[in-house]
Amino acid sequence: MPQILLVDVDEETQRRLEEDGFNIDIGTFGSKYRVIDSKECGFNHKLPFLTEKDIIVVDMNKENQRPSINPLICQWVGSDKNTFVAGEGSLHFNPRNLSAFNHSAEILRNLNRGGIVIVFTDKVEEETYYPVEVSNGLRKRIKPMKVSNFDWLPNRHLNPENCIDGKEIFYRKALMKV
């Protein structure tokens, strides 16, 4: 019985797989939530037992995102840390793309040991993230970074803009290196 992780997959699909007796866990790369300008932003992802999964199914389509949940602010030890803030004038923080990117090494390990990753997504969607370095009580903004919903995929040479609707893309193990 393969272990399956459903990441941001709709509830109907979850229910049907559970009814059919599949061994599934439910996860999320996080969801967009309201913030106040210049306040620290947290990540609200949940990827239970990610490295143990045989099959990972991910829905990155923007219209299928889950409703917002409260952010989980990471706890830091000491006074120095790196964090993110909302962009100037921004009322929302969307951690999904960066959270997916931060877990790409674990997903690649699953692929390299024979796992399967199924991704549903459409066009490239970029988010701009504003890192901040806090040292000795002083906040220093670092250069903003753009991360797309495709940047976490193992083969970054994929050009999704040239793919037609319904195109299937398979990654061969030879393309994947840790």
N, C-alpha and C. Protein backbone atom coordinates (compact mmCIF):
# COMPACT_ATOMS: atom_id res chain seq x y z
N MET A 1 0.86 -1.18 0.00
CA MET A 1 0.00 0.00 0.00
C MET A 1 0.90 1.24 0.00
N PRO A 2 0.90 2.02 -1.10
CA PRO A 2 1.77 3.20 -1.15
C PRO A 2 1.28 4.27 -0.18
N GLN A 3 2.24 5.01 0.38
CA GLN A 3 1.92 6.15 1.23
C GLN A 3 1.80 7.37 0.34
N ILE A 4 0.68 8.08 0.43
CA ILE A 4 0.38 9.19 -0.47
C ILE A 4 0.22 10.47 0.35
N LEU A 5 0.83 11.55 -0.14
CA LEU A 5 0.64 12.87 0.45
C LEU A 5 -0.09 13.74 -0.56
N LEU A 6 -1.25 14.26 -0.17
CA LEU A 6 -2.02 15.17 -1.01
C LEU A 6 -1.75 16.59 -0.53
N VAL A 7 -1.14 17.40 -1.39
CA VAL A 7 -0.78 18.77 -1.02
C VAL A 7 -1.71 19.74 -1.73
N ASP A 8 -2.54 20.42 -0.96
CA ASP A 8 -3.50 21.41 -1.47
C ASP A 8 -4.46 20.81 -2.50
N VAL A 9 -4.79 19.57 -2.33
CA VAL A 9 -5.73 18.87 -3.21
C VAL A 9 -7.14 19.06 -2.64
N ASP A 10 -8.12 19.20 -3.51
CA ASP A 10 -9.48 19.50 -3.07
C ASP A 10 -10.05 18.38 -2.19
N GLU A 11 -11.01 18.76 -1.36
CA GLU A 11 -11.58 17.84 -0.37
C GLU A 11 -12.32 16.66 -1.01
N GLU A 12 -12.93 16.87 -2.15
CA GLU A 12 -13.65 15.78 -2.83
C GLU A 12 -12.68 14.67 -3.24
N THR A 13 -11.54 15.05 -3.79
CA THR A 13 -10.52 14.05 -4.17
C THR A 13 -10.00 13.33 -2.93
N GLN A 14 -9.76 14.07 -1.87
CA GLN A 14 -9.31 13.47 -0.61
C GLN A 14 -10.31 12.42 -0.14
N ARG A 15 -11.57 12.80 -0.11
CA ARG A 15 -12.64 11.91 0.36
C ARG A 15 -12.71 10.64 -0.48
N ARG A 16 -12.64 10.79 -1.79
CA ARG A 16 -12.76 9.63 -2.67
C ARG A 16 -11.58 8.67 -2.49
N LEU A 17 -10.38 9.21 -2.34
CA LEU A 17 -9.21 8.35 -2.12
C LEU A 17 -9.30 7.62 -0.78
N GLU A 18 -9.77 8.32 0.25
CA GLU A 18 -9.95 7.67 1.56
C GLU A 18 -11.00 6.57 1.46
N GLU A 19 -12.12 6.83 0.78
CA GLU A 19 -13.17 5.83 0.62
C GLU A 19 -12.67 4.60 -0.14
N ASP A 20 -11.76 4.81 -1.09
CA ASP A 20 -11.20 3.70 -1.87
C ASP A 20 -10.10 2.96 -1.11
N GLY A 21 -9.81 3.39 0.13
CA GLY A 21 -8.88 2.67 0.97
C GLY A 21 -7.42 3.05 0.82
N PHE A 22 -7.12 4.16 0.16
CA PHE A 22 -5.73 4.57 0.01
C PHE A 22 -5.18 5.14 1.32
N ASN A 23 -3.89 4.97 1.53
CA ASN A 23 -3.18 5.44 2.71
C ASN A 23 -2.72 6.88 2.45
N ILE A 24 -3.53 7.87 2.86
CA ILE A 24 -3.20 9.26 2.53
C ILE A 24 -3.01 10.12 3.77
N ASP A 25 -2.17 11.14 3.58
CA ASP A 25 -2.03 12.24 4.52
C ASP A 25 -2.35 13.51 3.75
N ILE A 26 -2.84 14.51 4.46
CA ILE A 26 -3.23 15.77 3.85
C ILE A 26 -2.21 16.83 4.24
N GLY A 27 -1.73 17.58 3.24
CA GLY A 27 -0.76 18.63 3.49
C GLY A 27 -1.09 19.90 2.73
N THR A 28 -0.30 20.94 3.01
CA THR A 28 -0.46 22.21 2.32
C THR A 28 0.88 22.93 2.27
N PHE A 29 1.11 23.66 1.18
CA PHE A 29 2.26 24.56 1.10
C PHE A 29 1.95 25.88 1.79
N GLY A 30 0.76 26.00 2.32
CA GLY A 30 0.36 27.21 3.03
C GLY A 30 -0.69 27.97 2.24
N SER A 31 -1.19 29.02 2.85
CA SER A 31 -2.19 29.84 2.18
C SER A 31 -1.96 31.31 2.48
N LYS A 32 -2.45 32.12 1.59
CA LYS A 32 -2.33 33.56 1.69
C LYS A 32 -3.11 34.05 2.91
N TYR A 33 -2.57 35.04 3.60
CA TYR A 33 -3.29 35.60 4.74
C TYR A 33 -3.01 37.09 4.85
N ARG A 34 -3.86 37.78 5.59
CA ARG A 34 -3.73 39.24 5.76
C ARG A 34 -2.57 39.55 6.69
N VAL A 35 -1.86 40.64 6.35
CA VAL A 35 -0.74 41.10 7.18
C VAL A 35 -0.78 42.61 7.28
N ILE A 36 0.03 43.11 8.19
CA ILE A 36 0.22 44.55 8.31
C ILE A 36 1.59 44.86 7.74
N ASP A 37 1.69 45.95 6.97
CA ASP A 37 2.94 46.34 6.33
C ASP A 37 4.10 46.33 7.32
N SER A 38 5.19 45.73 6.92
CA SER A 38 6.46 45.65 7.66
C SER A 38 6.41 44.72 8.88
N LYS A 39 5.31 44.02 9.10
CA LYS A 39 5.27 43.02 10.17
C LYS A 39 5.90 41.73 9.68
N GLU A 40 6.49 40.97 10.59
CA GLU A 40 7.07 39.69 10.22
C GLU A 40 5.99 38.73 9.76
N CYS A 41 6.33 37.95 8.74
CA CYS A 41 5.38 36.99 8.19
C CYS A 41 5.85 35.58 8.51
N GLY A 42 4.92 34.71 8.77
CA GLY A 42 5.23 33.32 9.08
C GLY A 42 4.74 32.40 7.98
N PHE A 43 5.17 31.17 8.06
CA PHE A 43 4.77 30.15 7.10
C PHE A 43 3.70 29.28 7.75
N ASN A 44 2.66 28.95 6.99
CA ASN A 44 1.58 28.13 7.52
C ASN A 44 1.45 26.83 6.74
N HIS A 45 2.59 26.30 6.32
CA HIS A 45 2.57 25.03 5.59
C HIS A 45 2.49 23.85 6.57
N LYS A 46 2.05 22.71 6.02
CA LYS A 46 2.00 21.48 6.80
C LYS A 46 2.23 20.34 5.82
N LEU A 47 3.33 19.65 5.97
CA LEU A 47 3.69 18.55 5.07
C LEU A 47 4.05 17.33 5.91
N PRO A 48 3.04 16.63 6.43
CA PRO A 48 3.31 15.53 7.36
C PRO A 48 4.05 14.37 6.71
N PHE A 49 5.12 13.96 7.35
CA PHE A 49 5.90 12.78 6.94
C PHE A 49 6.31 12.84 5.47
N LEU A 50 6.69 14.02 5.00
CA LEU A 50 7.00 14.25 3.59
C LEU A 50 8.03 13.26 3.05
N THR A 51 9.09 13.02 3.79
CA THR A 51 10.17 12.18 3.27
C THR A 51 9.81 10.69 3.22
N GLU A 52 8.71 10.31 3.81
CA GLU A 52 8.31 8.90 3.82
C GLU A 52 7.33 8.54 2.71
N LYS A 53 6.93 9.50 1.90
CA LYS A 53 5.85 9.26 0.93
C LYS A 53 6.36 8.60 -0.34
N ASP A 54 5.51 7.72 -0.89
CA ASP A 54 5.78 7.07 -2.17
C ASP A 54 5.22 7.89 -3.33
N ILE A 55 4.09 8.54 -3.07
CA ILE A 55 3.43 9.36 -4.09
C ILE A 55 3.06 10.70 -3.45
N ILE A 56 3.41 11.79 -4.15
CA ILE A 56 3.05 13.13 -3.70
C ILE A 56 2.23 13.76 -4.81
N VAL A 57 1.01 14.19 -4.48
CA VAL A 57 0.14 14.85 -5.44
C VAL A 57 -0.02 16.30 -4.99
N VAL A 58 0.30 17.24 -5.89
CA VAL A 58 0.30 18.67 -5.56
C VAL A 58 -0.61 19.41 -6.52
N ASP A 59 -1.46 20.27 -5.98
CA ASP A 59 -2.29 21.16 -6.79
C ASP A 59 -1.80 22.58 -6.55
N MET A 60 -1.10 23.15 -7.54
CA MET A 60 -0.56 24.51 -7.43
C MET A 60 -1.46 25.54 -8.12
N ASN A 61 -2.61 25.13 -8.63
CA ASN A 61 -3.50 26.07 -9.30
C ASN A 61 -4.01 27.11 -8.31
N LYS A 62 -3.85 28.36 -8.68
CA LYS A 62 -4.19 29.46 -7.78
C LYS A 62 -5.66 29.45 -7.36
N GLU A 63 -6.55 29.13 -8.30
CA GLU A 63 -7.97 29.17 -7.97
C GLU A 63 -8.39 28.05 -7.02
N ASN A 64 -7.53 27.05 -6.84
CA ASN A 64 -7.86 25.94 -5.96
C ASN A 64 -7.23 26.06 -4.57
N GLN A 65 -6.65 27.22 -4.26
CA GLN A 65 -6.00 27.38 -2.97
C GLN A 65 -7.01 27.28 -1.84
N ARG A 66 -6.52 26.73 -0.73
CA ARG A 66 -7.37 26.60 0.45
C ARG A 66 -7.63 27.96 1.08
N PRO A 67 -8.69 28.07 1.87
CA PRO A 67 -8.94 29.33 2.57
C PRO A 67 -7.80 29.64 3.54
N SER A 68 -7.64 30.89 3.82
CA SER A 68 -6.54 31.34 4.68
C SER A 68 -6.64 30.75 6.08
N ILE A 69 -5.48 30.35 6.61
CA ILE A 69 -5.38 29.94 8.00
C ILE A 69 -4.34 30.81 8.67
N ASN A 70 -4.38 30.88 9.97
CA ASN A 70 -3.44 31.74 10.69
C ASN A 70 -2.00 31.29 10.45
N PRO A 71 -1.08 32.25 10.33
CA PRO A 71 0.32 31.89 10.12
C PRO A 71 0.92 31.27 11.38
N LEU A 72 1.88 30.41 11.18
CA LEU A 72 2.65 29.86 12.29
C LEU A 72 3.99 30.55 12.28
N ILE A 73 4.21 31.47 13.18
CA ILE A 73 5.47 32.20 13.22
C ILE A 73 6.52 31.28 13.82
N CYS A 74 7.63 31.12 13.12
CA CYS A 74 8.71 30.27 13.63
C CYS A 74 9.30 30.87 14.89
N GLN A 75 9.66 30.02 15.80
CA GLN A 75 10.30 30.48 17.02
C GLN A 75 11.81 30.54 16.79
N TRP A 76 12.43 31.61 17.16
CA TRP A 76 13.86 31.80 16.93
C TRP A 76 14.60 31.78 18.25
N VAL A 77 15.81 31.27 18.22
CA VAL A 77 16.64 31.24 19.42
C VAL A 77 17.60 32.42 19.35
N GLY A 78 17.71 33.17 20.43
CA GLY A 78 18.61 34.32 20.44
C GLY A 78 17.98 35.52 19.77
N SER A 79 18.76 36.57 19.59
CA SER A 79 18.22 37.81 19.04
C SER A 79 18.43 37.93 17.53
N ASP A 80 19.30 37.11 16.94
CA ASP A 80 19.58 37.21 15.51
C ASP A 80 18.71 36.22 14.74
N LYS A 81 18.20 36.63 13.61
CA LYS A 81 17.35 35.77 12.80
C LYS A 81 17.22 36.32 11.39
N ASN A 82 16.76 35.48 10.50
CA ASN A 82 16.35 35.89 9.16
C ASN A 82 14.86 35.60 9.06
N THR A 83 14.12 36.53 8.50
CA THR A 83 12.69 36.39 8.41
C THR A 83 12.19 37.10 7.16
N PHE A 84 10.91 37.19 6.97
CA PHE A 84 10.31 37.88 5.84
C PHE A 84 9.30 38.89 6.36
N VAL A 85 9.13 39.97 5.61
CA VAL A 85 8.11 40.96 5.92
C VAL A 85 7.24 41.14 4.69
N ALA A 86 6.07 41.70 4.89
CA ALA A 86 5.19 41.99 3.75
C ALA A 86 5.78 43.16 2.98
N GLY A 87 5.54 43.19 1.69
CA GLY A 87 6.01 44.30 0.87
C GLY A 87 5.30 45.58 1.24
N GLU A 88 5.93 46.70 0.91
CA GLU A 88 5.34 48.00 1.24
C GLU A 88 3.96 48.12 0.61
N GLY A 89 2.99 48.47 1.40
CA GLY A 89 1.63 48.63 0.92
C GLY A 89 0.87 47.32 0.75
N SER A 90 1.53 46.20 0.99
CA SER A 90 0.87 44.91 0.81
C SER A 90 -0.01 44.59 2.01
N LEU A 91 -1.14 44.00 1.74
CA LEU A 91 -2.06 43.60 2.80
C LEU A 91 -2.09 42.09 2.99
N HIS A 92 -1.32 41.35 2.14
CA HIS A 92 -1.33 39.90 2.19
C HIS A 92 0.08 39.34 2.06
N PHE A 93 0.25 38.14 2.59
CA PHE A 93 1.49 37.39 2.42
C PHE A 93 1.10 36.00 1.94
N ASN A 94 1.70 35.56 0.83
CA ASN A 94 1.40 34.24 0.27
C ASN A 94 2.67 33.38 0.35
N PRO A 95 2.77 32.47 1.30
CA PRO A 95 3.98 31.69 1.50
C PRO A 95 4.12 30.48 0.58
N ARG A 96 3.11 30.17 -0.23
CA ARG A 96 3.06 28.92 -0.99
C ARG A 96 4.29 28.65 -1.85
N ASN A 97 4.65 29.58 -2.73
CA ASN A 97 5.77 29.33 -3.64
C ASN A 97 7.09 29.14 -2.89
N LEU A 98 7.33 29.98 -1.89
CA LEU A 98 8.58 29.87 -1.14
C LEU A 98 8.59 28.61 -0.28
N SER A 99 7.45 28.26 0.29
CA SER A 99 7.38 27.02 1.06
C SER A 99 7.65 25.81 0.18
N ALA A 100 7.07 25.78 -1.02
CA ALA A 100 7.32 24.68 -1.96
C ALA A 100 8.80 24.64 -2.32
N PHE A 101 9.37 25.80 -2.61
CA PHE A 101 10.79 25.87 -2.98
C PHE A 101 11.69 25.37 -1.84
N ASN A 102 11.34 25.74 -0.62
CA ASN A 102 12.15 25.33 0.55
C ASN A 102 12.09 23.83 0.80
N HIS A 103 11.08 23.13 0.27
CA HIS A 103 10.96 21.68 0.46
C HIS A 103 11.33 20.89 -0.79
N SER A 104 11.88 21.56 -1.79
CA SER A 104 12.19 20.88 -3.06
C SER A 104 13.25 19.79 -2.89
N ALA A 105 14.21 19.95 -1.98
CA ALA A 105 15.24 18.92 -1.79
C ALA A 105 14.64 17.63 -1.26
N GLU A 106 13.68 17.73 -0.32
CA GLU A 106 13.03 16.53 0.21
C GLU A 106 12.20 15.83 -0.87
N ILE A 107 11.53 16.62 -1.69
CA ILE A 107 10.72 16.05 -2.77
C ILE A 107 11.63 15.36 -3.79
N LEU A 108 12.76 15.98 -4.09
CA LEU A 108 13.72 15.37 -5.02
C LEU A 108 14.26 14.06 -4.47
N ARG A 109 14.51 14.00 -3.17
CA ARG A 109 14.96 12.74 -2.55
C ARG A 109 13.91 11.65 -2.74
N ASN A 110 12.64 12.00 -2.59
CA ASN A 110 11.57 11.02 -2.81
C ASN A 110 11.59 10.51 -4.25
N LEU A 111 11.77 11.42 -5.20
CA LEU A 111 11.84 11.02 -6.60
C LEU A 111 13.04 10.10 -6.86
N ASN A 112 14.18 10.44 -6.30
CA ASN A 112 15.40 9.67 -6.53
C ASN A 112 15.32 8.27 -5.93
N ARG A 113 14.47 8.06 -4.96
CA ARG A 113 14.34 6.72 -4.39
C ARG A 113 13.15 5.98 -4.99
N GLY A 114 12.63 6.49 -6.11
CA GLY A 114 11.58 5.80 -6.83
C GLY A 114 10.18 6.34 -6.62
N GLY A 115 10.06 7.43 -5.88
CA GLY A 115 8.74 8.01 -5.65
C GLY A 115 8.17 8.69 -6.88
N ILE A 116 6.91 9.03 -6.79
CA ILE A 116 6.20 9.68 -7.89
C ILE A 116 5.66 11.01 -7.38
N VAL A 117 5.83 12.06 -8.19
CA VAL A 117 5.25 13.37 -7.87
C VAL A 117 4.35 13.75 -9.02
N ILE A 118 3.08 14.04 -8.69
CA ILE A 118 2.10 14.46 -9.69
C ILE A 118 1.73 15.90 -9.35
N VAL A 119 1.90 16.80 -10.33
CA VAL A 119 1.66 18.22 -10.10
C VAL A 119 0.60 18.72 -11.06
N PHE A 120 -0.39 19.42 -10.51
CA PHE A 120 -1.39 20.11 -11.31
C PHE A 120 -1.13 21.60 -11.16
N THR A 121 -0.86 22.24 -12.27
CA THR A 121 -0.64 23.68 -12.23
C THR A 121 -0.92 24.26 -13.61
N ASP A 122 -1.06 25.56 -13.67
CA ASP A 122 -1.29 26.17 -14.96
C ASP A 122 -0.16 27.14 -15.26
N LYS A 123 -0.44 28.38 -15.47
CA LYS A 123 0.59 29.33 -15.87
C LYS A 123 1.55 29.65 -14.72
N VAL A 124 2.67 30.24 -15.08
CA VAL A 124 3.66 30.65 -14.09
C VAL A 124 3.10 31.81 -13.28
N GLU A 125 3.16 31.66 -11.97
CA GLU A 125 2.72 32.73 -11.04
C GLU A 125 3.88 33.03 -10.11
N GLU A 126 4.36 34.26 -10.12
CA GLU A 126 5.47 34.64 -9.25
C GLU A 126 4.98 35.42 -8.04
N GLU A 127 5.68 35.21 -6.95
CA GLU A 127 5.47 36.01 -5.74
C GLU A 127 6.80 36.68 -5.41
N THR A 128 6.74 37.91 -4.93
CA THR A 128 7.95 38.59 -4.49
C THR A 128 8.01 38.52 -2.97
N TYR A 129 9.16 38.07 -2.46
CA TYR A 129 9.36 37.93 -1.02
C TYR A 129 10.42 38.93 -0.57
N TYR A 130 10.21 39.48 0.63
CA TYR A 130 11.08 40.51 1.15
C TYR A 130 11.79 40.00 2.41
N PRO A 131 12.99 39.42 2.23
CA PRO A 131 13.72 38.92 3.39
C PRO A 131 14.26 40.07 4.24
N VAL A 132 14.35 39.81 5.54
CA VAL A 132 14.90 40.77 6.49
C VAL A 132 15.86 40.03 7.40
N GLU A 133 17.00 40.64 7.64
CA GLU A 133 17.99 40.08 8.58
C GLU A 133 17.92 40.91 9.86
N VAL A 134 17.72 40.24 10.98
CA VAL A 134 17.67 40.92 12.26
C VAL A 134 18.92 40.56 13.03
N SER A 135 19.71 41.56 13.36
CA SER A 135 20.96 41.34 14.08
C SER A 135 21.13 42.44 15.12
N ASN A 136 21.35 42.05 16.35
CA ASN A 136 21.53 43.00 17.46
C ASN A 136 20.38 44.00 17.54
N GLY A 137 19.18 43.52 17.27
CA GLY A 137 18.00 44.37 17.37
C GLY A 137 17.75 45.26 16.17
N LEU A 138 18.64 45.26 15.18
CA LEU A 138 18.47 46.10 13.99
C LEU A 138 17.95 45.26 12.84
N ARG A 139 17.01 45.81 12.09
CA ARG A 139 16.44 45.12 10.93
C ARG A 139 17.08 45.65 9.65
N LYS A 140 17.55 44.74 8.82
CA LYS A 140 18.15 45.13 7.55
C LYS A 140 17.45 44.37 6.43
N ARG A 141 16.85 45.12 5.51
CA ARG A 141 16.19 44.47 4.37
C ARG A 141 17.24 43.94 3.42
N ILE A 142 17.00 42.73 2.94
CA ILE A 142 17.87 42.10 1.96
C ILE A 142 17.16 42.21 0.61
N LYS A 143 17.89 42.03 -0.48
CA LYS A 143 17.32 42.15 -1.81
C LYS A 143 16.07 41.27 -1.96
N PRO A 144 14.96 41.84 -2.47
CA PRO A 144 13.75 41.04 -2.68
C PRO A 144 14.03 39.87 -3.62
N MET A 145 13.29 38.80 -3.44
CA MET A 145 13.46 37.62 -4.29
C MET A 145 12.12 37.21 -4.87
N LYS A 146 12.15 36.82 -6.14
CA LYS A 146 10.94 36.34 -6.82
C LYS A 146 11.03 34.83 -6.90
N VAL A 147 9.93 34.17 -6.53
CA VAL A 147 9.85 32.71 -6.58
C VAL A 147 8.54 32.36 -7.28
N SER A 148 8.64 31.49 -8.29
CA SER A 148 7.43 31.11 -9.02
C SER A 148 6.91 29.77 -8.51
N ASN A 149 5.71 29.44 -8.94
CA ASN A 149 5.10 28.17 -8.57
C ASN A 149 5.78 27.00 -9.30
N PHE A 150 6.73 27.26 -10.19
CA PHE A 150 7.47 26.22 -10.89
C PHE A 150 8.90 26.06 -10.36
N ASP A 151 9.39 26.99 -9.56
CA ASP A 151 10.80 26.98 -9.14
C ASP A 151 11.17 25.80 -8.26
N TRP A 152 10.24 25.14 -7.67
CA TRP A 152 10.53 24.01 -6.79
C TRP A 152 10.64 22.69 -7.54
N LEU A 153 10.23 22.67 -8.80
CA LEU A 153 10.27 21.43 -9.58
C LEU A 153 11.71 21.00 -9.84
N PRO A 154 11.97 19.69 -9.91
CA PRO A 154 13.34 19.18 -10.05
C PRO A 154 14.06 19.64 -11.31
N ASN A 155 13.36 19.77 -12.44
CA ASN A 155 14.00 20.18 -13.67
C ASN A 155 13.64 21.62 -13.93
N ARG A 156 14.50 22.54 -13.54
CA ARG A 156 14.18 23.96 -13.66
C ARG A 156 14.33 24.47 -15.08
N HIS A 157 14.72 23.59 -16.02
CA HIS A 157 14.84 24.00 -17.42
C HIS A 157 13.50 23.87 -18.13
N LEU A 158 12.51 23.39 -17.44
CA LEU A 158 11.17 23.26 -17.99
C LEU A 158 10.65 24.65 -18.33
N ASN A 159 10.10 24.81 -19.51
CA ASN A 159 9.53 26.10 -19.89
C ASN A 159 8.03 25.94 -20.02
N PRO A 160 7.29 26.14 -18.94
CA PRO A 160 5.85 25.90 -18.96
C PRO A 160 5.09 26.83 -19.89
N GLU A 161 5.66 27.98 -20.23
CA GLU A 161 4.96 28.90 -21.11
C GLU A 161 4.80 28.33 -22.51
N ASN A 162 5.66 27.37 -22.88
CA ASN A 162 5.56 26.76 -24.20
C ASN A 162 4.74 25.48 -24.20
N CYS A 163 4.22 25.07 -23.06
CA CYS A 163 3.43 23.85 -22.98
C CYS A 163 1.98 24.16 -23.34
N ILE A 164 1.38 23.29 -24.13
CA ILE A 164 -0.03 23.50 -24.48
C ILE A 164 -0.89 22.84 -23.41
N ASP A 165 -2.14 23.21 -23.36
CA ASP A 165 -3.06 22.61 -22.40
C ASP A 165 -3.10 21.10 -22.59
N GLY A 166 -3.07 20.37 -21.52
CA GLY A 166 -3.16 18.93 -21.57
C GLY A 166 -1.83 18.24 -21.81
N LYS A 167 -0.76 18.95 -21.92
CA LYS A 167 0.56 18.36 -22.17
C LYS A 167 1.02 17.66 -20.90
N GLU A 168 1.49 16.44 -21.06
CA GLU A 168 2.03 15.68 -19.94
C GLU A 168 3.54 15.77 -19.98
N ILE A 169 4.14 15.98 -18.83
CA ILE A 169 5.59 16.10 -18.74
C ILE A 169 6.08 15.05 -17.77
N PHE A 170 7.04 14.25 -18.19
CA PHE A 170 7.62 13.22 -17.34
C PHE A 170 9.07 13.56 -17.07
N TYR A 171 9.48 13.45 -15.83
CA TYR A 171 10.88 13.64 -15.47
C TYR A 171 11.54 12.29 -15.45
N ARG A 172 12.63 12.17 -16.14
CA ARG A 172 13.39 10.93 -16.12
C ARG A 172 14.41 11.01 -14.99
N LYS A 173 14.66 9.89 -14.35
CA LYS A 173 15.57 9.86 -13.21
C LYS A 173 16.94 10.43 -13.55
N ALA A 174 17.41 10.25 -14.76
CA ALA A 174 18.72 10.73 -15.16
C ALA A 174 18.82 12.25 -15.07
N LEU A 175 17.68 12.95 -15.17
CA LEU A 175 17.70 14.41 -15.10
C LEU A 175 17.83 14.91 -13.68
N MET A 176 17.56 14.08 -12.70
CA MET A 176 17.51 14.51 -11.32
C MET A 176 18.81 14.21 -10.60
N LYS A 177 19.40 15.23 -10.04
CA LYS A 177 20.61 15.06 -9.25
C LYS A 177 20.46 15.84 -7.96
N VAL A 178 20.96 15.28 -6.88
CA VAL A 178 20.86 15.96 -5.59
C VAL A 178 22.10 16.81 -5.42
